[in-house]
Amino acid sequence: MVIHMLAEERYSHTQRAPLCLLLYGLGLLFLGLGWVLRGEPLLPWMFPPIGVMLLVLAGSFHQLTVADQGDELLIQFGPIPLFRTRVKYSEIESIEVGQTLLLDGLGIHMSVRGGWVWNLWGRDCVVIRRRERGDLRVGTDEANNLAAFLGKKLPR
């Protein structure tokens, strides 16, 4: 979604994906196993913490928000905001619409092509080439809109 405010163009988009449903399900399964196996000596102490960890992870990777923050771009998983990064527009050398590789997968990690990948779902992305910190591939379901917005923010 592109938001127009006064004569200045702003950008904010949140992508949601079904991957978190698997994590929610596994978290609930582990909590349930902890309850069902509560009479066993060691298992009740292992399963509930793992279940809670999976539920927190699911809440952390439920959505990916990319938003203009004035002089930088915020990239944040959420709604539990454990994982976020910012890219100053002044650091950007170039941008292009691209695709992640199947080997790049989902989440936050190094790409097999170098640089970082921040992807929630799908293969469409915007490749942000930064001066000092390398490439950043931001997965999005509206790559053309994000690239067009960033193109206007590139240092002249």
N, C-alpha and C. Protein backbone atom coordinates (compact mmCIF):
# COMPACT_ATOMS: atom_id res chain seq x y z
N MET A 1 0.84 -1.15 0.00
CA MET A 1 0.00 0.00 0.00
C MET A 1 0.89 1.23 0.00
N VAL A 2 0.63 2.17 -0.88
CA VAL A 2 1.36 3.43 -0.92
C VAL A 2 0.45 4.50 -0.34
N ILE A 3 0.93 5.22 0.64
CA ILE A 3 0.13 6.23 1.31
C ILE A 3 0.64 7.60 0.88
N HIS A 4 -0.25 8.47 0.44
CA HIS A 4 0.13 9.83 0.06
C HIS A 4 -0.17 10.76 1.23
N MET A 5 0.84 11.50 1.66
CA MET A 5 0.68 12.45 2.75
C MET A 5 1.31 13.77 2.34
N LEU A 6 0.54 14.81 2.33
CA LEU A 6 1.00 16.14 1.91
C LEU A 6 1.74 15.98 0.58
N ALA A 7 2.66 16.45 0.15
CA ALA A 7 3.25 16.21 -1.16
C ALA A 7 4.32 15.13 -1.10
N GLU A 8 4.48 14.52 0.06
CA GLU A 8 5.54 13.54 0.23
C GLU A 8 4.95 12.13 0.15
N GLU A 9 5.57 11.28 -0.62
CA GLU A 9 5.10 9.92 -0.76
C GLU A 9 5.70 9.06 0.34
N ARG A 10 4.86 8.25 0.98
CA ARG A 10 5.30 7.35 2.04
C ARG A 10 4.93 5.94 1.61
N TYR A 11 5.59 4.96 2.21
CA TYR A 11 5.34 3.56 1.86
C TYR A 11 5.19 2.74 3.12
N SER A 12 4.19 1.87 3.13
CA SER A 12 4.02 0.92 4.22
C SER A 12 3.22 -0.25 3.68
N HIS A 13 3.75 -1.44 3.86
CA HIS A 13 3.06 -2.64 3.40
C HIS A 13 3.35 -3.79 4.36
N THR A 14 2.31 -4.53 4.69
CA THR A 14 2.45 -5.70 5.54
C THR A 14 1.99 -6.93 4.77
N GLN A 15 2.88 -7.90 4.68
CA GLN A 15 2.58 -9.16 4.01
C GLN A 15 2.34 -10.22 5.08
N ARG A 16 1.31 -11.01 4.88
CA ARG A 16 1.02 -12.11 5.80
C ARG A 16 1.19 -13.42 5.04
N ALA A 17 1.48 -14.49 5.79
CA ALA A 17 1.71 -15.78 5.13
C ALA A 17 1.24 -16.91 6.04
N PRO A 18 0.90 -18.05 5.45
CA PRO A 18 0.40 -19.17 6.25
C PRO A 18 1.47 -19.98 6.99
N LEU A 19 2.74 -19.67 6.78
CA LEU A 19 3.80 -20.44 7.43
C LEU A 19 3.65 -20.44 8.95
N CYS A 20 3.21 -19.33 9.50
CA CYS A 20 3.07 -19.22 10.96
C CYS A 20 2.07 -20.23 11.50
N LEU A 21 1.09 -20.64 10.68
CA LEU A 21 0.10 -21.62 11.15
C LEU A 21 0.76 -22.94 11.53
N LEU A 22 1.78 -23.34 10.78
CA LEU A 22 2.53 -24.56 11.11
C LEU A 22 3.22 -24.40 12.46
N LEU A 23 3.83 -23.24 12.68
CA LEU A 23 4.51 -22.99 13.96
C LEU A 23 3.52 -22.94 15.12
N TYR A 24 2.37 -22.29 14.91
CA TYR A 24 1.33 -22.26 15.96
C TYR A 24 0.88 -23.68 16.28
N GLY A 25 0.65 -24.48 15.23
CA GLY A 25 0.20 -25.87 15.43
C GLY A 25 1.23 -26.69 16.19
N LEU A 26 2.50 -26.57 15.81
CA LEU A 26 3.55 -27.31 16.51
C LEU A 26 3.68 -26.85 17.96
N GLY A 27 3.54 -25.55 18.19
CA GLY A 27 3.61 -25.03 19.55
C GLY A 27 2.51 -25.61 20.42
N LEU A 28 1.29 -25.63 19.89
CA LEU A 28 0.16 -26.19 20.63
C LEU A 28 0.33 -27.70 20.83
N LEU A 29 0.87 -28.38 19.83
CA LEU A 29 1.13 -29.82 19.94
C LEU A 29 2.11 -30.10 21.09
N PHE A 30 3.19 -29.34 21.15
CA PHE A 30 4.17 -29.55 22.21
C PHE A 30 3.60 -29.23 23.59
N LEU A 31 2.77 -28.19 23.67
CA LEU A 31 2.12 -27.90 24.95
C LEU A 31 1.17 -29.03 25.34
N GLY A 32 0.44 -29.53 24.36
CA GLY A 32 -0.47 -30.67 24.61
C GLY A 32 0.28 -31.91 25.04
N LEU A 33 1.40 -32.20 24.37
CA LEU A 33 2.21 -33.36 24.75
C LEU A 33 2.75 -33.22 26.17
N GLY A 34 3.11 -32.02 26.53
CA GLY A 34 3.58 -31.78 27.90
C GLY A 34 2.49 -32.09 28.92
N TRP A 35 1.25 -31.75 28.57
CA TRP A 35 0.12 -32.02 29.47
C TRP A 35 -0.18 -33.52 29.52
N VAL A 36 -0.26 -34.16 28.35
CA VAL A 36 -0.60 -35.58 28.29
C VAL A 36 0.47 -36.44 28.95
N LEU A 37 1.72 -36.08 28.80
CA LEU A 37 2.83 -36.87 29.34
C LEU A 37 3.33 -36.33 30.68
N ARG A 38 2.48 -35.62 31.39
CA ARG A 38 2.91 -34.99 32.65
C ARG A 38 3.33 -35.99 33.72
N GLY A 39 2.94 -37.25 33.58
CA GLY A 39 3.34 -38.27 34.55
C GLY A 39 4.71 -38.87 34.29
N GLU A 40 5.27 -38.59 33.14
CA GLU A 40 6.60 -39.11 32.80
C GLU A 40 7.67 -38.29 33.52
N PRO A 41 8.84 -38.89 33.77
CA PRO A 41 9.84 -38.18 34.57
C PRO A 41 10.44 -36.93 33.92
N LEU A 42 10.82 -36.95 32.64
CA LEU A 42 11.56 -35.83 32.06
C LEU A 42 10.74 -35.04 31.03
N LEU A 43 9.86 -35.71 30.32
CA LEU A 43 9.16 -35.09 29.19
C LEU A 43 8.33 -33.86 29.55
N PRO A 44 7.62 -33.83 30.69
CA PRO A 44 6.81 -32.64 30.96
C PRO A 44 7.65 -31.36 31.10
N TRP A 45 8.90 -31.50 31.40
CA TRP A 45 9.77 -30.33 31.54
C TRP A 45 10.34 -29.87 30.20
N MET A 46 10.36 -30.77 29.21
CA MET A 46 10.91 -30.42 27.90
C MET A 46 9.86 -29.83 26.97
N PHE A 47 8.70 -30.47 26.88
CA PHE A 47 7.72 -30.08 25.87
C PHE A 47 7.11 -28.69 26.07
N PRO A 48 6.67 -28.31 27.26
CA PRO A 48 6.07 -26.97 27.39
C PRO A 48 7.00 -25.82 27.02
N PRO A 49 8.27 -25.81 27.44
CA PRO A 49 9.13 -24.69 27.00
C PRO A 49 9.33 -24.65 25.48
N ILE A 50 9.43 -25.83 24.87
CA ILE A 50 9.56 -25.87 23.41
C ILE A 50 8.28 -25.34 22.77
N GLY A 51 7.12 -25.71 23.32
CA GLY A 51 5.84 -25.23 22.81
C GLY A 51 5.72 -23.72 22.91
N VAL A 52 6.11 -23.17 24.04
CA VAL A 52 6.05 -21.71 24.22
C VAL A 52 7.01 -21.03 23.25
N MET A 53 8.21 -21.58 23.09
CA MET A 53 9.18 -21.01 22.15
C MET A 53 8.61 -21.00 20.73
N LEU A 54 7.96 -22.09 20.32
CA LEU A 54 7.38 -22.15 18.98
C LEU A 54 6.24 -21.15 18.82
N LEU A 55 5.43 -20.95 19.86
CA LEU A 55 4.35 -19.97 19.78
C LEU A 55 4.90 -18.54 19.66
N VAL A 56 5.97 -18.25 20.39
CA VAL A 56 6.60 -16.93 20.28
C VAL A 56 7.20 -16.75 18.88
N LEU A 57 7.84 -17.79 18.37
CA LEU A 57 8.40 -17.73 17.01
C LEU A 57 7.29 -17.52 15.98
N ALA A 58 6.17 -18.21 16.15
CA ALA A 58 5.04 -18.05 15.22
C ALA A 58 4.55 -16.60 15.24
N GLY A 59 4.45 -16.02 16.44
CA GLY A 59 4.04 -14.62 16.54
C GLY A 59 5.07 -13.67 15.97
N SER A 60 6.32 -14.10 15.96
CA SER A 60 7.38 -13.26 15.41
C SER A 60 7.44 -13.32 13.89
N PHE A 61 7.00 -14.43 13.30
CA PHE A 61 7.05 -14.58 11.84
C PHE A 61 5.65 -14.68 11.22
N HIS A 62 4.69 -14.02 11.85
CA HIS A 62 3.32 -14.01 11.36
C HIS A 62 3.17 -13.08 10.15
N GLN A 63 3.93 -12.01 10.15
CA GLN A 63 3.84 -11.02 9.07
C GLN A 63 5.18 -10.33 8.88
N LEU A 64 5.33 -9.70 7.72
CA LEU A 64 6.54 -8.92 7.41
C LEU A 64 6.09 -7.53 6.97
N THR A 65 6.52 -6.52 7.72
CA THR A 65 6.16 -5.15 7.41
C THR A 65 7.39 -4.41 6.88
N VAL A 66 7.19 -3.71 5.78
CA VAL A 66 8.22 -2.87 5.18
C VAL A 66 7.63 -1.47 5.15
N ALA A 67 8.30 -0.52 5.82
CA ALA A 67 7.71 0.82 5.95
C ALA A 67 8.77 1.91 5.89
N ASP A 68 8.38 3.01 5.26
CA ASP A 68 9.21 4.21 5.22
C ASP A 68 9.23 4.85 6.60
N GLN A 69 10.41 5.21 7.07
CA GLN A 69 10.57 5.85 8.38
C GLN A 69 11.29 7.19 8.23
N GLY A 70 10.99 7.92 7.18
CA GLY A 70 11.63 9.22 6.96
C GLY A 70 12.91 9.09 6.17
N ASP A 71 14.04 8.86 6.86
CA ASP A 71 15.32 8.74 6.16
C ASP A 71 15.81 7.30 6.06
N GLU A 72 14.95 6.35 6.44
CA GLU A 72 15.33 4.93 6.38
C GLU A 72 14.11 4.05 6.15
N LEU A 73 14.39 2.82 5.74
CA LEU A 73 13.36 1.82 5.50
C LEU A 73 13.39 0.82 6.65
N LEU A 74 12.24 0.59 7.27
CA LEU A 74 12.11 -0.39 8.34
C LEU A 74 11.63 -1.69 7.74
N ILE A 75 12.31 -2.79 8.09
CA ILE A 75 11.90 -4.13 7.67
C ILE A 75 11.75 -4.92 8.96
N GLN A 76 10.52 -5.35 9.25
CA GLN A 76 10.25 -5.94 10.56
C GLN A 76 9.27 -7.10 10.48
N PHE A 77 9.66 -8.22 11.07
CA PHE A 77 8.74 -9.32 11.25
C PHE A 77 7.91 -9.03 12.49
N GLY A 78 6.74 -9.61 12.58
CA GLY A 78 5.89 -9.36 13.75
C GLY A 78 4.65 -10.22 13.70
N PRO A 79 3.70 -9.96 14.58
CA PRO A 79 3.52 -8.77 15.39
C PRO A 79 4.42 -8.70 16.62
N ILE A 80 5.00 -9.81 17.04
CA ILE A 80 6.00 -9.74 18.11
C ILE A 80 7.30 -9.27 17.44
N PRO A 81 7.75 -8.04 17.72
CA PRO A 81 8.85 -7.44 16.94
C PRO A 81 10.25 -7.86 17.41
N LEU A 82 10.53 -9.14 17.36
CA LEU A 82 11.85 -9.61 17.78
C LEU A 82 12.91 -9.40 16.69
N PHE A 83 12.49 -9.42 15.43
CA PHE A 83 13.44 -9.37 14.32
C PHE A 83 13.12 -8.18 13.43
N ARG A 84 14.06 -7.23 13.36
CA ARG A 84 13.88 -6.05 12.51
C ARG A 84 15.24 -5.52 12.09
N THR A 85 15.22 -4.82 10.99
CA THR A 85 16.42 -4.13 10.52
C THR A 85 15.99 -2.83 9.86
N ARG A 86 16.95 -1.94 9.70
CA ARG A 86 16.69 -0.66 9.05
C ARG A 86 17.75 -0.42 7.99
N VAL A 87 17.35 0.20 6.90
CA VAL A 87 18.27 0.55 5.82
C VAL A 87 18.15 2.04 5.59
N LYS A 88 19.22 2.75 5.82
CA LYS A 88 19.23 4.19 5.53
C LYS A 88 19.24 4.39 4.02
N TYR A 89 18.40 5.29 3.54
CA TYR A 89 18.33 5.54 2.10
C TYR A 89 19.68 6.02 1.57
N SER A 90 20.45 6.71 2.39
CA SER A 90 21.75 7.21 1.95
C SER A 90 22.76 6.09 1.71
N GLU A 91 22.52 4.88 2.25
CA GLU A 91 23.42 3.73 2.07
C GLU A 91 23.15 2.96 0.78
N ILE A 92 22.01 3.22 0.14
CA ILE A 92 21.59 2.43 -1.01
C ILE A 92 22.30 2.89 -2.28
N GLU A 93 22.94 1.93 -2.96
CA GLU A 93 23.55 2.22 -4.26
C GLU A 93 22.56 2.02 -5.39
N SER A 94 21.82 0.90 -5.34
CA SER A 94 20.84 0.61 -6.38
C SER A 94 19.82 -0.38 -5.85
N ILE A 95 18.73 -0.48 -6.58
CA ILE A 95 17.69 -1.45 -6.24
C ILE A 95 17.22 -2.11 -7.53
N GLU A 96 16.72 -3.31 -7.39
CA GLU A 96 16.14 -4.00 -8.55
C GLU A 96 15.14 -5.03 -8.06
N VAL A 97 14.15 -5.31 -8.88
CA VAL A 97 13.19 -6.38 -8.59
C VAL A 97 13.85 -7.69 -8.95
N GLY A 98 13.73 -8.68 -8.09
CA GLY A 98 14.34 -9.98 -8.35
C GLY A 98 13.52 -11.10 -7.75
N GLN A 99 14.15 -12.25 -7.68
CA GLN A 99 13.53 -13.41 -7.05
C GLN A 99 14.57 -14.11 -6.20
N THR A 100 14.12 -14.64 -5.08
CA THR A 100 15.00 -15.45 -4.27
C THR A 100 15.08 -16.84 -4.90
N LEU A 101 16.14 -17.55 -4.59
CA LEU A 101 16.27 -18.93 -5.05
C LEU A 101 15.49 -19.85 -4.12
N LEU A 102 15.13 -21.01 -4.59
CA LEU A 102 14.49 -21.98 -3.70
C LEU A 102 15.41 -22.31 -2.53
N LEU A 103 16.72 -22.32 -2.77
CA LEU A 103 17.68 -22.59 -1.70
C LEU A 103 17.71 -21.47 -0.66
N ASP A 104 17.27 -20.27 -1.04
CA ASP A 104 17.23 -19.15 -0.09
C ASP A 104 16.17 -19.37 0.98
N GLY A 105 15.08 -20.03 0.63
CA GLY A 105 14.06 -20.37 1.60
C GLY A 105 13.38 -19.16 2.21
N LEU A 106 12.91 -19.34 3.45
CA LEU A 106 12.14 -18.32 4.16
C LEU A 106 12.85 -17.93 5.45
N GLY A 107 12.53 -16.77 5.97
CA GLY A 107 13.12 -16.33 7.23
C GLY A 107 14.22 -15.32 7.00
N ILE A 108 15.17 -15.29 7.93
CA ILE A 108 16.30 -14.37 7.90
C ILE A 108 17.58 -15.19 7.86
N HIS A 109 18.38 -15.00 6.83
CA HIS A 109 19.62 -15.76 6.72
C HIS A 109 20.47 -15.22 5.56
N MET A 110 21.67 -15.73 5.48
CA MET A 110 22.55 -15.39 4.36
C MET A 110 22.05 -16.11 3.10
N SER A 111 22.14 -15.42 1.98
CA SER A 111 21.76 -16.01 0.70
C SER A 111 22.94 -16.81 0.16
N VAL A 112 22.64 -17.82 -0.63
CA VAL A 112 23.71 -18.57 -1.27
C VAL A 112 24.44 -17.70 -2.31
N ARG A 113 23.82 -16.59 -2.73
CA ARG A 113 24.44 -15.64 -3.67
C ARG A 113 25.18 -14.52 -2.95
N GLY A 114 25.19 -14.54 -1.62
CA GLY A 114 25.80 -13.48 -0.84
C GLY A 114 24.76 -12.47 -0.39
N GLY A 115 25.03 -11.82 0.71
CA GLY A 115 24.08 -10.86 1.25
C GLY A 115 23.02 -11.56 2.08
N TRP A 116 22.12 -10.76 2.62
CA TRP A 116 21.07 -11.27 3.50
C TRP A 116 19.75 -11.41 2.79
N VAL A 117 18.93 -12.35 3.26
CA VAL A 117 17.56 -12.53 2.79
C VAL A 117 16.63 -12.33 3.98
N TRP A 118 15.61 -11.49 3.80
CA TRP A 118 14.52 -11.34 4.76
C TRP A 118 13.26 -11.65 3.98
N ASN A 119 12.71 -12.85 4.16
CA ASN A 119 11.60 -13.29 3.34
C ASN A 119 10.59 -14.05 4.18
N LEU A 120 9.32 -13.75 3.96
CA LEU A 120 8.26 -14.41 4.70
C LEU A 120 7.57 -15.49 3.86
N TRP A 121 7.36 -15.19 2.58
CA TRP A 121 6.60 -16.12 1.75
C TRP A 121 6.79 -15.75 0.29
N GLY A 122 6.92 -16.71 -0.57
CA GLY A 122 7.04 -16.44 -2.00
C GLY A 122 8.49 -16.19 -2.38
N ARG A 123 8.69 -15.95 -3.69
CA ARG A 123 10.05 -15.76 -4.18
C ARG A 123 10.33 -14.34 -4.68
N ASP A 124 9.29 -13.53 -4.88
CA ASP A 124 9.50 -12.16 -5.34
C ASP A 124 10.21 -11.36 -4.26
N CYS A 125 11.14 -10.52 -4.68
CA CYS A 125 11.88 -9.71 -3.72
C CYS A 125 12.38 -8.44 -4.39
N VAL A 126 12.86 -7.53 -3.56
CA VAL A 126 13.58 -6.35 -4.03
C VAL A 126 15.00 -6.50 -3.52
N VAL A 127 15.95 -6.43 -4.43
CA VAL A 127 17.37 -6.52 -4.07
C VAL A 127 17.87 -5.11 -3.82
N ILE A 128 18.28 -4.86 -2.59
CA ILE A 128 18.81 -3.55 -2.20
C ILE A 128 20.33 -3.69 -2.11
N ARG A 129 21.02 -3.01 -3.00
CA ARG A 129 22.48 -3.04 -2.99
C ARG A 129 22.96 -1.86 -2.15
N ARG A 130 23.67 -2.19 -1.06
CA ARG A 130 24.15 -1.15 -0.14
C ARG A 130 25.64 -0.95 -0.31
N ARG A 131 26.10 0.25 -0.03
CA ARG A 131 27.51 0.60 -0.21
C ARG A 131 28.44 -0.27 0.62
N GLU A 132 28.18 -0.38 1.90
CA GLU A 132 29.14 -1.04 2.79
C GLU A 132 28.67 -2.37 3.35
N ARG A 133 27.40 -2.61 3.38
CA ARG A 133 26.90 -3.79 4.08
C ARG A 133 26.40 -4.89 3.15
N GLY A 134 26.63 -4.78 1.86
CA GLY A 134 26.26 -5.84 0.93
C GLY A 134 24.78 -5.81 0.54
N ASP A 135 24.40 -6.83 -0.19
CA ASP A 135 23.03 -6.91 -0.70
C ASP A 135 22.07 -7.36 0.38
N LEU A 136 20.83 -6.90 0.24
CA LEU A 136 19.74 -7.30 1.11
C LEU A 136 18.56 -7.62 0.22
N ARG A 137 18.08 -8.85 0.27
CA ARG A 137 16.92 -9.26 -0.51
C ARG A 137 15.71 -9.25 0.42
N VAL A 138 14.76 -8.36 0.11
CA VAL A 138 13.57 -8.22 0.93
C VAL A 138 12.41 -8.85 0.19
N GLY A 139 11.91 -9.97 0.72
CA GLY A 139 10.77 -10.64 0.11
C GLY A 139 9.51 -9.81 0.28
N THR A 140 8.71 -9.74 -0.77
CA THR A 140 7.47 -8.98 -0.72
C THR A 140 6.51 -9.47 -1.79
N ASP A 141 5.22 -9.30 -1.54
CA ASP A 141 4.24 -9.66 -2.55
C ASP A 141 3.86 -8.46 -3.41
N GLU A 142 4.59 -7.35 -3.26
CA GLU A 142 4.41 -6.20 -4.16
C GLU A 142 5.78 -5.57 -4.47
N ALA A 143 6.62 -6.38 -5.09
CA ALA A 143 7.99 -5.97 -5.38
C ALA A 143 8.06 -4.73 -6.26
N ASN A 144 7.22 -4.62 -7.26
CA ASN A 144 7.28 -3.46 -8.17
C ASN A 144 6.97 -2.16 -7.44
N ASN A 145 5.98 -2.16 -6.54
CA ASN A 145 5.64 -0.95 -5.79
C ASN A 145 6.79 -0.54 -4.86
N LEU A 146 7.37 -1.52 -4.17
CA LEU A 146 8.47 -1.23 -3.27
C LEU A 146 9.68 -0.70 -4.05
N ALA A 147 9.99 -1.33 -5.17
CA ALA A 147 11.13 -0.88 -5.99
C ALA A 147 10.90 0.53 -6.52
N ALA A 148 9.67 0.83 -6.95
CA ALA A 148 9.37 2.17 -7.45
C ALA A 148 9.51 3.20 -6.34
N PHE A 149 9.05 2.88 -5.15
CA PHE A 149 9.19 3.81 -4.03
C PHE A 149 10.66 4.03 -3.70
N LEU A 150 11.43 2.94 -3.59
CA LEU A 150 12.85 3.06 -3.26
C LEU A 150 13.62 3.81 -4.34
N GLY A 151 13.22 3.63 -5.59
CA GLY A 151 13.87 4.35 -6.68
C GLY A 151 13.80 5.86 -6.49
N LYS A 152 12.71 6.34 -5.90
CA LYS A 152 12.57 7.77 -5.65
C LYS A 152 13.40 8.23 -4.45
N LYS A 153 13.83 7.28 -3.61
CA LYS A 153 14.58 7.62 -2.42
C LYS A 153 16.10 7.49 -2.61
N LEU A 154 16.53 6.98 -3.76
CA LEU A 154 17.97 6.81 -4.00
C LEU A 154 18.67 8.16 -3.94
N PRO A 155 19.86 8.17 -3.33
CA PRO A 155 20.64 9.42 -3.30
C PRO A 155 20.98 9.86 -4.72
N ARG A 156 20.88 11.13 -4.96
CA ARG A 156 21.15 11.65 -6.32
C ARG A 156 22.61 12.01 -6.46
